């Protein structure tokens, strides 16, 4: 891995260069055309894209319930146990996020409040391709269930040999109401606009490739989305008390996701930096997904040697990583220095994959520096809030002049008159 030994200002500049995002206009145009085709031609467009992109001829997009049930029964006892443990921990954690509305009646003659309402229908996008992600299903479906969403549907790319049983089994376990065999930008478009087979949803959540991310961005406004997910990231803050073998393994745990993934470590120890760099290379050669992880390590990843703990956190807050490990003595004591991170893992035994699977926290997280202003997926993503107000005539009369003054200042005469007519004799 590259090792930087630069001043804080120089290191911050290097970080900014790594995190700059660009827009591929050719992909934007292709995705726009796909979305427009699906919006216009519905299922016929989906069938054509399934044959073109997936090499699969689809007659019925909906996966039969008996196939889903059989998939779950076919799972090994070990996999069932792992999924059930994940479900229990995720449910326990996210149940703490449930929001309550409120009613304010403290002032006589005035009632104000807020009602929290679950979304009616949510669509989950679950990637296919080089890996199956049953964990993503439970991470996205369970918070929606806890929020009270009435209908949860899922799209996932069709496969020539059928959808992975672990994916279908996880959908059953998480309470997904329907599974559809369609992926890519066309799957996002189907959820956003609806087709003859697939219902229109209120929100689309879940990760995908650049075409899926672009499609989600383009349909935002027609529906809500969770976030624009970029390549996976891990940031590690460590000193010489940390184990370089563990650190290298943790860095590679994200590098193996995508050639564009980022693995970044900051440390105050030059000897640790060298040891981790050497260990990353050793472990890389042993990885089945070396061809994916190596370009991520060589092109997008680095180790920075800084002068102080404060400088390490300053750099990492600029990175705003999706996952942040703090491998320092008394790691909880440093949480006050964390400003920008999707999910934080504290100490030597909170390795990042714990959060990917059974830790209980969500693994759908902000990437590409967006942890500066966004949050992990949670129950709060599947509700909306409606406010309400009631005034008596006497209470309205007390503020009537303030309303009409502000309305006429803004040139909105009808606003002012709507108040005044209530007090005309």
Protein backbone atom coordinates (compact mmCIF):
# COMPACT_ATOMS: atom_id res chain seq x y z
CA UNK A 1 0.00 0.00 0.00
CA UNK A 2 1.10 3.59 -0.53
CA UNK A 3 2.44 5.16 2.63
CA UNK A 4 2.26 8.94 3.04
CA UNK A 5 4.35 10.88 5.57
CA UNK A 6 3.08 14.39 4.96
CA UNK A 7 2.05 17.45 6.94
CA UNK A 8 -1.58 17.68 8.02
CA UNK A 9 -2.44 20.29 5.39
CA UNK A 10 -0.85 18.25 2.60
CA UNK A 11 -2.58 15.09 3.77
CA UNK A 12 -5.96 16.84 3.80
CA UNK A 13 -5.35 17.95 0.22
CA UNK A 14 -4.49 14.37 -0.79
CA UNK A 15 -7.71 13.11 0.83
CA UNK A 16 -9.80 15.65 -1.08
CA UNK A 17 -8.27 14.55 -4.37
CA UNK A 18 -9.14 10.93 -3.62
CA UNK A 19 -12.77 11.72 -2.73
CA UNK A 20 -13.70 13.93 -5.67
CA UNK A 21 -16.68 12.46 -7.51
CA UNK A 22 -17.20 12.67 -11.24
CA UNK A 23 -20.25 12.11 -13.41
CA UNK A 24 -20.05 9.82 -16.42
CA UNK A 25 -22.39 11.49 -18.89
CA UNK A 26 -22.48 8.44 -21.17
CA UNK A 27 -23.81 6.30 -18.30
CA UNK A 28 -26.27 9.07 -17.41
CA UNK A 29 -27.63 9.01 -20.96
CA UNK A 30 -27.88 5.22 -21.12
CA UNK A 31 -29.70 5.08 -17.80
CA UNK A 32 -32.07 7.87 -18.82
CA UNK A 33 -32.99 5.95 -21.97
CA UNK A 34 -33.58 2.74 -19.99
CA UNK A 35 -35.80 4.52 -17.47
CA UNK A 36 -37.79 6.21 -20.21
CA UNK A 37 -38.25 2.90 -22.01
CA UNK A 38 -39.53 1.16 -18.88
CA UNK A 39 -41.81 4.07 -18.04
CA UNK A 40 -43.29 3.91 -21.56
CA UNK A 41 -43.30 0.18 -22.30
CA UNK A 42 -43.47 -1.49 -18.89
CA UNK A 43 -43.01 -5.26 -18.78
CA UNK A 44 -42.10 -5.47 -22.47
CA UNK A 45 -39.05 -3.28 -21.84
CA UNK A 46 -38.10 -5.31 -18.76
CA UNK A 47 -38.22 -8.56 -20.74
CA UNK A 48 -36.04 -7.10 -23.48
CA UNK A 49 -33.44 -5.87 -20.99
CA UNK A 50 -33.40 -9.21 -19.15
CA UNK A 51 -32.49 -10.93 -22.39
CA UNK A 52 -29.98 -8.25 -23.38
CA UNK A 53 -28.16 -7.73 -20.07
CA UNK A 54 -28.76 -10.95 -18.13
CA UNK A 55 -29.11 -13.47 -20.94
CA UNK A 56 -32.33 -14.75 -19.39
CA UNK A 57 -35.80 -14.96 -20.93
CA UNK A 58 -38.41 -14.04 -18.31
CA UNK A 59 -42.10 -14.81 -18.68
CA UNK A 60 -43.23 -14.08 -15.11
CA UNK A 61 -41.16 -11.62 -13.11
CA UNK A 62 -42.68 -12.58 -9.76
CA UNK A 63 -40.96 -15.46 -7.99
CA UNK A 64 -43.60 -17.99 -6.81
CA UNK A 65 -44.03 -18.19 -3.05
CA UNK A 66 -43.52 -21.94 -3.10
CA UNK A 67 -40.08 -21.39 -4.68
CA UNK A 68 -39.21 -18.92 -1.93
CA UNK A 69 -40.41 -21.34 0.76
CA UNK A 70 -38.43 -24.20 -0.77
CA UNK A 71 -35.31 -22.03 -0.97
CA UNK A 72 -35.51 -21.27 2.73
CA UNK A 73 -35.96 -24.94 3.61
CA UNK A 74 -32.94 -25.83 1.48
CA UNK A 75 -30.57 -23.63 3.47
CA UNK A 76 -28.08 -25.32 5.76
CA UNK A 77 -28.76 -25.25 9.48
CA UNK A 78 -25.65 -23.11 9.96
CA UNK A 79 -26.86 -20.49 7.48
CA UNK A 80 -30.34 -20.44 8.98
CA UNK A 81 -28.84 -19.96 12.44
CA UNK A 82 -26.65 -17.10 11.20
CA UNK A 83 -29.58 -15.35 9.51
CA UNK A 84 -31.76 -15.79 12.59
CA UNK A 85 -29.04 -14.36 14.84
CA UNK A 86 -28.62 -11.42 12.51
CA UNK A 87 -32.39 -10.86 12.44
CA UNK A 88 -32.60 -10.90 16.24
CA UNK A 89 -29.74 -8.43 16.72
CA UNK A 90 -30.85 -6.08 13.94
CA UNK A 91 -34.42 -6.08 15.28
CA UNK A 92 -33.23 -5.36 18.81
CA UNK A 93 -31.05 -2.45 17.68
CA UNK A 94 -33.49 -0.83 15.26
CA UNK A 95 -36.47 -1.15 17.61
CA UNK A 96 -34.81 1.60 19.63
CA UNK A 97 -35.19 3.96 16.66
CA UNK A 98 -39.00 3.95 16.64
CA UNK A 99 -40.30 7.53 16.65
CA UNK A 100 -43.40 8.76 18.41
CA UNK A 101 -45.52 11.70 17.34
CA UNK A 102 -46.55 14.38 19.83
CA UNK A 103 -49.42 16.69 20.67
CA UNK A 104 -48.74 20.11 22.23
CA UNK A 105 -51.78 21.43 24.17
CA UNK A 106 -49.86 23.55 26.68
CA UNK A 107 -51.37 26.82 25.42
CA UNK A 108 -55.17 27.09 25.87
CA UNK A 109 -56.93 27.41 22.53
CA UNK A 110 -54.01 26.01 20.52
CA UNK A 111 -53.32 22.42 19.52
CA UNK A 112 -50.17 21.58 17.58
CA UNK A 113 -48.47 18.32 16.90
CA UNK A 114 -46.81 15.84 14.64
CA UNK A 115 -47.98 12.47 13.39
CA UNK A 116 -45.45 9.82 12.35
CA UNK A 117 -46.77 7.71 9.44
CA UNK A 118 -45.09 4.63 7.91
CA UNK A 119 -44.56 4.59 4.15
CA UNK A 120 -47.10 2.45 2.34
CA UNK A 121 -44.81 0.54 -0.05
CA UNK A 122 -41.02 0.19 -0.18
CA UNK A 123 -38.83 -1.43 -2.83
CA UNK A 124 -35.59 -3.21 -1.99
CA UNK A 125 -32.85 -3.47 -4.59
CA UNK A 126 -30.63 -6.50 -3.97
CA UNK A 127 -27.55 -6.92 -6.20
CA UNK A 128 -26.78 -10.11 -8.08
CA UNK A 129 -23.70 -10.82 -10.14
CA UNK A 130 -20.41 -11.83 -8.54
CA UNK A 131 -21.81 -12.32 -5.03
CA UNK A 132 -25.11 -12.95 -3.26
CA UNK A 133 -26.05 -10.64 -0.42
CA UNK A 134 -28.72 -12.14 1.87
CA UNK A 135 -27.44 -9.83 4.60
CA UNK A 136 -28.52 -6.78 2.58
CA UNK A 137 -32.09 -8.08 2.54
CA UNK A 138 -32.43 -8.32 6.28
CA UNK A 139 -30.62 -4.99 6.74
CA UNK A 140 -33.11 -3.20 4.49
CA UNK A 141 -36.34 -5.10 5.14
CA UNK A 142 -36.26 -5.31 8.93
CA UNK A 143 -36.12 -1.55 9.66
CA UNK A 144 -38.99 -1.10 7.20
CA UNK A 145 -40.99 -3.79 9.00
CA UNK A 146 -40.29 -2.21 12.38
CA UNK A 147 -41.40 1.17 11.01
CA UNK A 148 -44.74 -0.36 10.00
CA UNK A 149 -44.38 -0.33 6.20
CA UNK A 150 -47.41 -2.15 4.81
CA UNK A 151 -45.83 -3.70 1.69
CA UNK A 152 -42.18 -4.56 0.99
CA UNK A 153 -41.22 -5.76 -2.48
CA UNK A 154 -37.80 -6.77 -3.73
CA UNK A 155 -36.09 -6.79 -7.11
CA UNK A 156 -32.93 -8.71 -7.87
CA UNK A 157 -31.28 -9.57 -11.20
CA UNK A 158 -32.38 -12.85 -12.79
CA UNK A 159 -29.78 -15.61 -12.97
CA UNK A 160 -29.49 -18.33 -15.61
CA UNK A 161 -29.45 -20.99 -12.89
CA UNK A 162 -32.11 -19.31 -10.79
CA UNK A 163 -31.86 -16.81 -7.94
CA UNK A 164 -29.50 -17.84 -5.16
CA UNK A 165 -31.49 -19.76 -2.50
CA UNK A 166 -29.80 -17.72 0.25
CA UNK A 167 -31.28 -14.56 -1.26
CA UNK A 168 -34.78 -16.02 -1.45
CA UNK A 169 -34.46 -17.58 2.00
CA UNK A 170 -33.42 -14.26 3.52
CA UNK A 171 -36.38 -12.56 1.83
CA UNK A 172 -38.75 -15.03 3.49
CA UNK A 173 -37.08 -14.63 6.87
CA UNK A 174 -37.20 -10.83 6.67
CA UNK A 175 -40.88 -10.73 5.70
CA UNK A 176 -40.55 -9.48 2.12
CA UNK A 177 -44.00 -9.62 0.51
CA UNK A 178 -42.96 -10.25 -3.10
CA UNK A 179 -39.74 -10.92 -5.04
CA UNK A 180 -39.29 -9.94 -8.69
CA UNK A 181 -36.57 -11.12 -11.08
CA UNK A 182 -35.37 -7.85 -12.55
CA UNK A 183 -32.19 -5.90 -11.94
CA UNK A 184 -30.12 -2.97 -13.09
CA UNK A 185 -31.42 0.47 -13.99
CA UNK A 186 -34.52 -1.20 -15.41
CA UNK A 187 -35.33 -2.69 -12.00
CA UNK A 188 -35.06 0.72 -10.37
CA UNK A 189 -37.29 2.22 -13.07
CA UNK A 190 -39.88 -0.52 -12.55
CA UNK A 191 -40.06 0.28 -8.83
CA UNK A 192 -40.23 4.01 -9.47
CA UNK A 193 -42.97 4.01 -12.10
CA UNK A 194 -44.60 0.61 -11.78
CA UNK A 195 -45.32 -1.83 -14.62
CA UNK A 196 -48.03 -4.37 -15.36
CA UNK A 197 -46.28 -6.81 -13.00
CA UNK A 198 -44.39 -4.69 -10.50
CA UNK A 199 -46.01 -2.17 -8.16
CA UNK A 200 -44.92 1.43 -7.90
CA UNK A 201 -43.26 2.09 -4.54
CA UNK A 202 -42.77 5.13 -2.34
CA UNK A 203 -39.08 4.58 -1.65
CA UNK A 204 -36.21 2.52 -3.09
CA UNK A 205 -33.40 1.31 -0.83
CA UNK A 206 -30.38 -0.91 -1.26
CA UNK A 207 -26.99 -0.83 -3.00
CA UNK A 208 -26.07 -1.60 -6.59
CA UNK A 209 -23.55 -0.92 -9.34
CA UNK A 210 -22.98 2.42 -11.06
CA UNK A 211 -26.05 1.91 -13.29
CA UNK A 212 -28.27 1.25 -10.28
CA UNK A 213 -26.85 4.22 -8.39
CA UNK A 214 -27.34 6.47 -11.42
CA UNK A 215 -30.90 5.25 -11.88
CA UNK A 216 -31.72 5.91 -8.23
CA UNK A 217 -30.42 9.45 -8.58
CA UNK A 218 -32.48 10.02 -11.73
CA UNK A 219 -35.79 8.74 -10.27
CA UNK A 220 -35.37 10.64 -7.00
CA UNK A 221 -38.30 13.00 -6.75
CA UNK A 222 -40.61 10.51 -8.41
CA UNK A 223 -39.84 8.31 -5.39
CA UNK A 224 -37.62 8.72 -2.37
CA UNK A 225 -34.30 6.86 -2.13
CA UNK A 226 -32.04 5.96 0.76
CA UNK A 227 -28.75 7.24 -0.69
CA UNK A 228 -26.46 7.07 -3.71
CA UNK A 229 -24.19 4.23 -2.66
CA UNK A 230 -20.65 4.33 -3.98
CA UNK A 231 -17.88 1.75 -3.64
CA UNK A 232 -17.23 0.31 -0.17
CA UNK A 233 -14.82 2.08 2.16
CA UNK A 234 -13.01 1.40 5.40
CA UNK A 235 -10.99 3.78 7.50
CA UNK A 236 -8.75 2.58 10.33
CA UNK A 237 -7.19 4.67 13.09
CA UNK A 238 -4.49 2.71 14.92
CA UNK A 239 -1.34 3.05 16.97
CA UNK A 240 1.47 0.59 17.64
CA UNK A 241 -0.67 -1.29 20.18
CA UNK A 242 -2.70 -2.72 17.28
CA UNK A 243 -2.02 -6.03 15.55
CA UNK A 244 -0.84 -5.49 11.92
CA UNK A 245 -2.23 -8.88 10.85
CA UNK A 246 -5.69 -7.88 12.09
CA UNK A 247 -5.46 -4.44 10.50
CA UNK A 248 -4.47 -5.82 7.10
CA UNK A 249 -7.32 -8.33 7.21
CA UNK A 250 -9.80 -5.58 8.05
CA UNK A 251 -8.58 -3.35 5.23
CA UNK A 252 -8.91 -6.20 2.74
CA UNK A 253 -12.42 -7.04 3.99
CA UNK A 254 -13.66 -3.98 2.11
CA UNK A 255 -11.15 -4.01 -0.75
CA UNK A 256 -12.54 -7.36 -1.92
CA UNK A 257 -15.96 -5.78 -2.61
CA UNK A 258 -15.06 -3.70 -5.64
CA UNK A 259 -11.97 -2.62 -7.63
CA UNK A 260 -13.03 0.96 -6.79
CA UNK A 261 -13.25 0.31 -3.03
CA UNK A 262 -11.10 2.35 -0.66
CA UNK A 263 -9.11 1.10 2.34
CA UNK A 264 -7.40 3.84 4.34
CA UNK A 265 -5.39 3.72 7.55
CA UNK A 266 -3.94 6.54 9.62
CA UNK A 267 -1.41 5.93 12.35
CA UNK A 268 1.20 7.66 14.44
CA UNK A 269 3.57 4.70 14.02
CA UNK A 270 5.76 4.44 10.93
CA UNK A 271 6.78 0.91 11.91
CA UNK A 272 3.12 -0.13 12.08
CA UNK A 273 2.48 1.44 8.67
CA UNK A 274 5.29 -0.61 7.13
CA UNK A 275 4.16 -3.81 8.87
CA UNK A 276 0.55 -3.38 7.70
CA UNK A 277 1.63 -2.61 4.14
CA UNK A 278 3.71 -5.79 4.04
CA UNK A 279 0.92 -7.81 5.61
CA UNK A 280 -1.66 -6.53 3.13
CA UNK A 281 0.52 -7.76 0.28
CA UNK A 282 0.98 -11.17 1.93
CA UNK A 283 -2.74 -11.62 2.55
CA UNK A 284 -3.70 -10.31 -0.88
CA UNK A 285 -1.96 -13.23 -2.52
CA UNK A 286 -4.13 -15.63 -0.52
CA UNK A 287 -7.50 -14.05 -1.38
CA UNK A 288 -9.86 -15.80 -3.82
CA UNK A 289 -10.98 -12.30 -4.90
CA UNK A 290 -7.43 -10.96 -5.34
CA UNK A 291 -8.25 -9.72 -8.85
CA UNK A 292 -10.89 -7.43 -7.33
CA UNK A 293 -9.05 -6.44 -4.15
CA UNK A 294 -5.65 -5.70 -5.70
CA UNK A 295 -6.71 -2.75 -7.90
CA UNK A 296 -8.64 -1.35 -4.93
CA UNK A 297 -5.50 -1.50 -2.79
CA UNK A 298 -3.10 -0.28 -5.45
CA UNK A 299 -5.22 2.52 -6.93
CA UNK A 300 -7.50 3.83 -4.19
CA UNK A 301 -5.96 2.93 -0.84
CA UNK A 302 -3.17 4.26 1.35
CA UNK A 303 -1.69 4.55 4.83
CA UNK A 304 -0.94 7.97 6.31
CA UNK A 305 1.58 8.48 9.10
CA UNK A 306 0.55 11.49 11.20
CA UNK A 307 2.17 13.36 14.08
CA UNK A 308 -0.62 13.08 16.67
CA UNK A 309 -3.89 11.42 17.57
CA UNK A 310 -5.69 14.70 16.87
CA UNK A 311 -4.22 14.81 13.35
CA UNK A 312 -5.34 11.23 12.71
CA UNK A 313 -8.93 12.13 13.54
CA UNK A 314 -8.76 15.33 11.52
CA UNK A 315 -7.70 13.37 8.45
CA UNK A 316 -10.28 10.65 8.98
CA UNK A 317 -13.09 13.18 9.48
CA UNK A 318 -12.11 14.61 6.10
CA UNK A 319 -12.27 11.12 4.58
CA UNK A 320 -15.73 10.60 6.21
CA UNK A 321 -15.49 6.83 5.72
CA UNK A 322 -18.39 4.43 5.40
CA UNK A 323 -16.81 2.25 8.11
CA UNK A 324 -14.36 3.52 10.73
CA UNK A 325 -12.34 1.30 13.05
CA UNK A 326 -10.67 2.85 16.10
CA UNK A 327 -7.94 0.48 17.25
CA UNK A 328 -6.47 2.51 20.07
CA UNK A 329 -6.41 1.85 23.82
CA UNK A 330 -9.76 2.91 25.36
CA UNK A 331 -11.37 3.46 21.94
CA UNK A 332 -14.70 4.65 23.40
CA UNK A 333 -12.83 7.60 24.87
CA UNK A 334 -12.20 8.91 21.35
CA UNK A 335 -15.82 8.95 20.16
CA UNK A 336 -16.02 12.69 20.89
CA UNK A 337 -13.41 13.24 18.14
CA UNK A 338 -15.49 11.42 15.51
CA UNK A 339 -17.49 13.84 13.37
CA UNK A 340 -17.91 12.09 10.02
CA UNK A 341 -18.34 8.33 9.73
CA UNK A 342 -21.11 5.96 8.72
CA UNK A 343 -20.53 3.33 11.40
CA UNK A 344 -17.77 3.14 14.01
CA UNK A 345 -16.14 -0.05 15.28
CA UNK A 346 -14.37 0.24 18.60
CA UNK A 347 -11.40 -1.87 19.65
CA UNK A 348 -9.56 -4.94 18.44
CA UNK A 349 -12.58 -7.25 18.46
CA UNK A 350 -15.09 -5.04 16.67
CA UNK A 351 -13.83 -5.99 13.22
CA UNK A 352 -15.85 -4.35 10.44
CA UNK A 353 -17.50 -7.58 9.19
CA UNK A 354 -19.22 -7.78 12.58
CA UNK A 355 -21.32 -4.81 11.44
CA UNK A 356 -21.86 -6.33 8.00
CA UNK A 357 -23.65 -9.31 9.45
CA UNK A 358 -24.70 -9.81 13.07
CA UNK A 359 -23.60 -6.82 15.16
CA UNK A 360 -27.08 -5.31 14.96
CA UNK A 361 -26.20 -1.96 13.44
CA UNK A 362 -27.09 -1.41 9.80
CA UNK A 363 -24.62 -2.01 6.99
CA UNK A 364 -26.36 0.28 4.48
CA UNK A 365 -24.15 3.30 5.07
CA UNK A 366 -23.17 6.61 3.47
CA UNK A 367 -20.15 6.38 1.16
CA UNK A 368 -17.92 8.68 -0.91
CA UNK A 369 -17.63 11.25 1.85
CA UNK A 370 -21.39 11.65 2.27
CA UNK A 371 -21.14 10.70 5.95
CA UNK A 372 -20.50 14.44 6.35
CA UNK A 373 -24.25 14.97 6.04
CA UNK A 374 -26.08 11.63 5.95
CA UNK A 375 -26.73 8.65 8.20
CA UNK A 376 -26.97 4.85 8.23
CA UNK A 377 -30.22 3.30 7.08
CA UNK A 378 -32.71 3.09 9.93
CA UNK A 379 -36.35 2.97 10.95
CA UNK A 380 -36.49 6.75 10.49
CA UNK A 381 -35.95 6.23 6.74
CA UNK A 382 -39.29 4.43 6.39
CA UNK A 383 -41.60 6.97 7.97
CA UNK A 384 -42.82 10.43 7.11
CA UNK A 385 -44.01 13.15 9.46
CA UNK A 386 -47.19 15.20 9.14
CA UNK A 387 -47.73 18.24 11.35
CA UNK A 388 -51.15 19.53 12.45
CA UNK A 389 -52.46 22.78 13.95
CA UNK A 390 -55.71 23.96 15.51
CA UNK A 391 -56.38 27.52 16.77
CA UNK A 392 -59.51 28.96 18.33
CA UNK A 393 -60.89 32.24 16.96
CA UNK A 394 -59.49 34.13 19.95
CA UNK A 395 -56.01 32.73 19.51
CA UNK A 396 -56.01 33.45 15.76
CA UNK A 397 -57.12 37.02 16.43
CA UNK A 398 -54.11 37.52 18.71
CA UNK A 399 -51.69 36.84 15.83
CA UNK A 400 -53.78 38.02 12.88
CA UNK A 401 -51.93 41.30 12.42
CA UNK A 402 -48.56 39.49 12.44
CA UNK A 403 -49.78 37.15 9.69
CA UNK A 404 -51.17 39.90 7.47
CA UNK A 405 -48.05 42.02 7.93
CA UNK A 406 -45.78 39.18 6.83
CA UNK A 407 -48.10 38.19 3.97
CA UNK A 408 -48.24 41.71 2.51
CA UNK A 409 -44.48 42.11 2.95
CA UNK A 410 -44.17 39.09 0.66
CA UNK A 411 -46.74 40.45 -1.81
CA UNK A 412 -49.29 37.73 -1.01
CA UNK A 413 -52.53 39.66 -0.60
CA UNK A 414 -54.76 36.59 -0.71
CA UNK A 415 -52.89 35.19 2.28
CA UNK A 416 -53.68 38.30 4.27
CA UNK A 417 -57.32 38.39 3.22
CA UNK A 418 -57.79 34.71 4.16
CA UNK A 419 -57.12 35.78 7.75
CA UNK A 420 -59.02 39.08 7.70
CA UNK A 421 -62.29 37.65 6.35
CA UNK A 422 -62.64 35.63 9.54
CA UNK A 423 -63.05 38.82 11.58
CA UNK A 424 -65.22 40.90 9.26
CA UNK A 425 -68.64 41.88 10.64
